[in-house]
Amino acid sequence: MITLNDFELVQFLELVKCIRQDSANTPKPARSYIPLVRGRVCAYLNQQVDVGNIRDIKVNRAQETDEYFHI
């Protein structure tokens, strides 16, 4: 399991908030929401989606860069 530091946790919460506020079913890379987002934050978000802790955000892994969207 990934553990985030305080800075990364703030980025994670901001990223989730931005994804939820965006139009539904519009996949975008995380850097379009937060330009300098850390890779650990994206990995933590992927982990939370995979485990089922976050159910309203999906990850499109078909591209070279993961794209996130809410449903």
N, C-alpha and C. Protein backbone atom coordinates (compact mmCIF):
# COMPACT_ATOMS: atom_id res chain seq x y z
N MET A 1 0.83 -1.18 0.00
CA MET A 1 0.00 0.00 0.00
C MET A 1 0.87 1.25 0.00
N ILE A 2 0.46 2.22 -0.74
CA ILE A 2 1.17 3.49 -0.82
C ILE A 2 0.68 4.40 0.30
N THR A 3 1.62 5.07 0.95
CA THR A 3 1.29 6.06 1.97
C THR A 3 1.75 7.42 1.47
N LEU A 4 0.84 8.39 1.48
CA LEU A 4 1.16 9.72 0.99
C LEU A 4 1.60 10.63 2.13
N ASN A 5 2.55 11.55 1.83
CA ASN A 5 2.89 12.57 2.81
C ASN A 5 1.84 13.68 2.74
N ASP A 6 1.97 14.69 3.57
CA ASP A 6 0.95 15.75 3.66
C ASP A 6 0.77 16.48 2.33
N PHE A 7 1.86 16.83 1.66
CA PHE A 7 1.78 17.52 0.38
C PHE A 7 1.07 16.67 -0.67
N GLU A 8 1.44 15.40 -0.73
CA GLU A 8 0.82 14.49 -1.70
C GLU A 8 -0.65 14.26 -1.38
N LEU A 9 -1.01 14.21 -0.11
CA LEU A 9 -2.41 14.03 0.28
C LEU A 9 -3.26 15.22 -0.17
N VAL A 10 -2.72 16.42 -0.04
CA VAL A 10 -3.43 17.61 -0.50
C VAL A 10 -3.62 17.54 -2.02
N GLN A 11 -2.57 17.13 -2.75
CA GLN A 11 -2.68 16.98 -4.20
C GLN A 11 -3.71 15.92 -4.56
N PHE A 12 -3.72 14.81 -3.85
CA PHE A 12 -4.68 13.74 -4.11
C PHE A 12 -6.11 14.24 -3.93
N LEU A 13 -6.38 14.93 -2.84
CA LEU A 13 -7.73 15.43 -2.58
C LEU A 13 -8.14 16.46 -3.64
N GLU A 14 -7.22 17.32 -4.04
CA GLU A 14 -7.51 18.30 -5.08
C GLU A 14 -7.76 17.62 -6.42
N LEU A 15 -6.99 16.59 -6.74
CA LEU A 15 -7.17 15.85 -7.99
C LEU A 15 -8.53 15.18 -8.03
N VAL A 16 -8.92 14.53 -6.96
CA VAL A 16 -10.22 13.87 -6.91
C VAL A 16 -11.34 14.89 -7.06
N LYS A 17 -11.20 16.03 -6.39
CA LYS A 17 -12.21 17.09 -6.48
C LYS A 17 -12.32 17.61 -7.92
N CYS A 18 -11.20 17.84 -8.57
CA CYS A 18 -11.20 18.34 -9.95
C CYS A 18 -11.81 17.33 -10.91
N ILE A 19 -11.50 16.06 -10.74
CA ILE A 19 -12.06 15.02 -11.62
C ILE A 19 -13.57 14.96 -11.44
N ARG A 20 -14.04 15.04 -10.22
CA ARG A 20 -15.49 14.98 -9.96
C ARG A 20 -16.22 16.21 -10.49
N GLN A 21 -15.56 17.36 -10.56
CA GLN A 21 -16.19 18.57 -11.06
C GLN A 21 -16.19 18.65 -12.58
N ASP A 22 -15.36 17.86 -13.23
CA ASP A 22 -15.28 17.88 -14.69
C ASP A 22 -16.48 17.17 -15.30
N SER A 23 -16.70 17.36 -16.60
CA SER A 23 -17.82 16.67 -17.26
C SER A 23 -17.64 15.16 -17.19
N ALA A 24 -18.76 14.49 -17.07
CA ALA A 24 -18.74 13.03 -16.94
C ALA A 24 -18.26 12.37 -18.22
N ASN A 25 -17.61 11.23 -18.05
CA ASN A 25 -17.15 10.39 -19.16
C ASN A 25 -16.25 11.13 -20.15
N THR A 26 -15.41 12.02 -19.64
CA THR A 26 -14.43 12.73 -20.47
C THR A 26 -13.04 12.40 -19.93
N PRO A 27 -12.41 11.34 -20.43
CA PRO A 27 -11.10 10.95 -19.90
C PRO A 27 -10.02 12.00 -20.19
N LYS A 28 -9.27 12.35 -19.16
CA LYS A 28 -8.15 13.28 -19.28
C LYS A 28 -7.01 12.80 -18.40
N PRO A 29 -5.78 13.09 -18.79
CA PRO A 29 -4.65 12.75 -17.91
C PRO A 29 -4.67 13.63 -16.66
N ALA A 30 -4.07 13.14 -15.60
CA ALA A 30 -4.06 13.86 -14.33
C ALA A 30 -3.40 15.23 -14.46
N ARG A 31 -2.40 15.35 -15.32
CA ARG A 31 -1.70 16.62 -15.46
C ARG A 31 -2.57 17.71 -16.07
N SER A 32 -3.68 17.36 -16.69
CA SER A 32 -4.59 18.39 -17.20
C SER A 32 -5.39 19.01 -16.06
N TYR A 33 -5.52 18.31 -14.95
CA TYR A 33 -6.18 18.84 -13.77
C TYR A 33 -5.19 19.58 -12.87
N ILE A 34 -4.06 18.96 -12.61
CA ILE A 34 -3.00 19.55 -11.80
C ILE A 34 -1.70 19.37 -12.59
N PRO A 35 -1.16 20.46 -13.17
CA PRO A 35 0.00 20.33 -14.07
C PRO A 35 1.22 19.64 -13.45
N LEU A 36 1.51 19.86 -12.19
CA LEU A 36 2.71 19.26 -11.58
C LEU A 36 2.36 18.17 -10.58
N VAL A 37 1.37 17.36 -10.93
CA VAL A 37 0.95 16.29 -10.03
C VAL A 37 2.06 15.23 -9.93
N ARG A 38 2.25 14.71 -8.75
CA ARG A 38 3.29 13.69 -8.53
C ARG A 38 2.79 12.32 -8.99
N GLY A 39 3.71 11.51 -9.46
CA GLY A 39 3.37 10.17 -9.91
C GLY A 39 2.82 9.30 -8.79
N ARG A 40 3.32 9.50 -7.56
CA ARG A 40 2.82 8.73 -6.42
C ARG A 40 1.35 9.02 -6.17
N VAL A 41 0.92 10.25 -6.44
CA VAL A 41 -0.48 10.62 -6.25
C VAL A 41 -1.34 9.86 -7.24
N CYS A 42 -0.90 9.77 -8.48
CA CYS A 42 -1.64 9.02 -9.51
C CYS A 42 -1.66 7.53 -9.17
N ALA A 43 -0.54 7.01 -8.71
CA ALA A 43 -0.48 5.60 -8.33
C ALA A 43 -1.42 5.32 -7.16
N TYR A 44 -1.50 6.24 -6.21
CA TYR A 44 -2.41 6.08 -5.07
C TYR A 44 -3.86 6.12 -5.54
N LEU A 45 -4.18 7.02 -6.46
CA LEU A 45 -5.54 7.09 -7.00
C LEU A 45 -5.88 5.80 -7.73
N ASN A 46 -4.97 5.29 -8.54
CA ASN A 46 -5.19 4.00 -9.22
C ASN A 46 -5.45 2.90 -8.20
N GLN A 47 -4.67 2.89 -7.14
CA GLN A 47 -4.81 1.87 -6.10
C GLN A 47 -6.19 1.98 -5.44
N GLN A 48 -6.62 3.18 -5.12
CA GLN A 48 -7.91 3.37 -4.47
C GLN A 48 -9.06 2.96 -5.39
N VAL A 49 -8.94 3.23 -6.68
CA VAL A 49 -9.96 2.81 -7.65
C VAL A 49 -9.98 1.29 -7.77
N ASP A 50 -8.80 0.66 -7.86
CA ASP A 50 -8.71 -0.79 -8.00
C ASP A 50 -9.26 -1.53 -6.79
N VAL A 51 -9.01 -1.00 -5.60
CA VAL A 51 -9.47 -1.64 -4.37
C VAL A 51 -10.97 -1.45 -4.19
N GLY A 52 -11.52 -0.40 -4.79
CA GLY A 52 -12.96 -0.15 -4.68
C GLY A 52 -13.32 0.92 -3.67
N ASN A 53 -12.33 1.62 -3.14
CA ASN A 53 -12.60 2.69 -2.19
C ASN A 53 -13.21 3.91 -2.87
N ILE A 54 -12.88 4.11 -4.14
CA ILE A 54 -13.45 5.20 -4.93
C ILE A 54 -14.18 4.55 -6.09
N ARG A 55 -15.48 4.71 -6.14
CA ARG A 55 -16.28 4.00 -7.16
C ARG A 55 -16.80 4.90 -8.26
N ASP A 56 -16.77 6.22 -8.05
CA ASP A 56 -17.32 7.11 -9.07
C ASP A 56 -16.27 7.65 -10.04
N ILE A 57 -15.00 7.25 -9.86
CA ILE A 57 -13.93 7.63 -10.77
C ILE A 57 -13.38 6.37 -11.42
N LYS A 58 -13.19 6.43 -12.72
CA LYS A 58 -12.65 5.30 -13.48
C LYS A 58 -11.32 5.70 -14.10
N VAL A 59 -10.52 4.69 -14.42
CA VAL A 59 -9.21 4.91 -15.04
C VAL A 59 -9.19 4.23 -16.40
N ASN A 60 -8.81 4.99 -17.41
CA ASN A 60 -8.62 4.45 -18.75
C ASN A 60 -7.13 4.19 -18.92
N ARG A 61 -6.75 2.94 -18.92
CA ARG A 61 -5.33 2.58 -19.01
C ARG A 61 -4.93 2.18 -20.43
N ALA A 62 -5.79 2.43 -21.41
CA ALA A 62 -5.51 2.05 -22.80
C ALA A 62 -4.46 2.96 -23.43
N GLN A 63 -4.31 4.16 -22.92
CA GLN A 63 -3.34 5.11 -23.46
C GLN A 63 -1.99 4.93 -22.77
N GLU A 64 -0.98 5.60 -23.29
CA GLU A 64 0.34 5.56 -22.67
C GLU A 64 0.31 6.18 -21.27
N THR A 65 -0.49 7.24 -21.12
CA THR A 65 -0.68 7.91 -19.83
C THR A 65 -2.09 7.59 -19.35
N ASP A 66 -2.22 7.19 -18.09
CA ASP A 66 -3.54 6.91 -17.53
C ASP A 66 -4.42 8.15 -17.61
N GLU A 67 -5.69 7.93 -17.96
CA GLU A 67 -6.66 9.02 -18.03
C GLU A 67 -7.77 8.73 -17.05
N TYR A 68 -8.23 9.77 -16.37
CA TYR A 68 -9.23 9.63 -15.32
C TYR A 68 -10.52 10.33 -15.70
N PHE A 69 -11.64 9.78 -15.27
CA PHE A 69 -12.93 10.41 -15.49
C PHE A 69 -13.91 9.90 -14.46
N HIS A 70 -14.96 10.66 -14.23
CA HIS A 70 -15.99 10.22 -13.30
C HIS A 70 -17.23 9.81 -14.06
N ILE A 71 -18.02 8.97 -13.43
CA ILE A 71 -19.23 8.47 -14.08
C ILE A 71 -20.46 8.95 -13.32
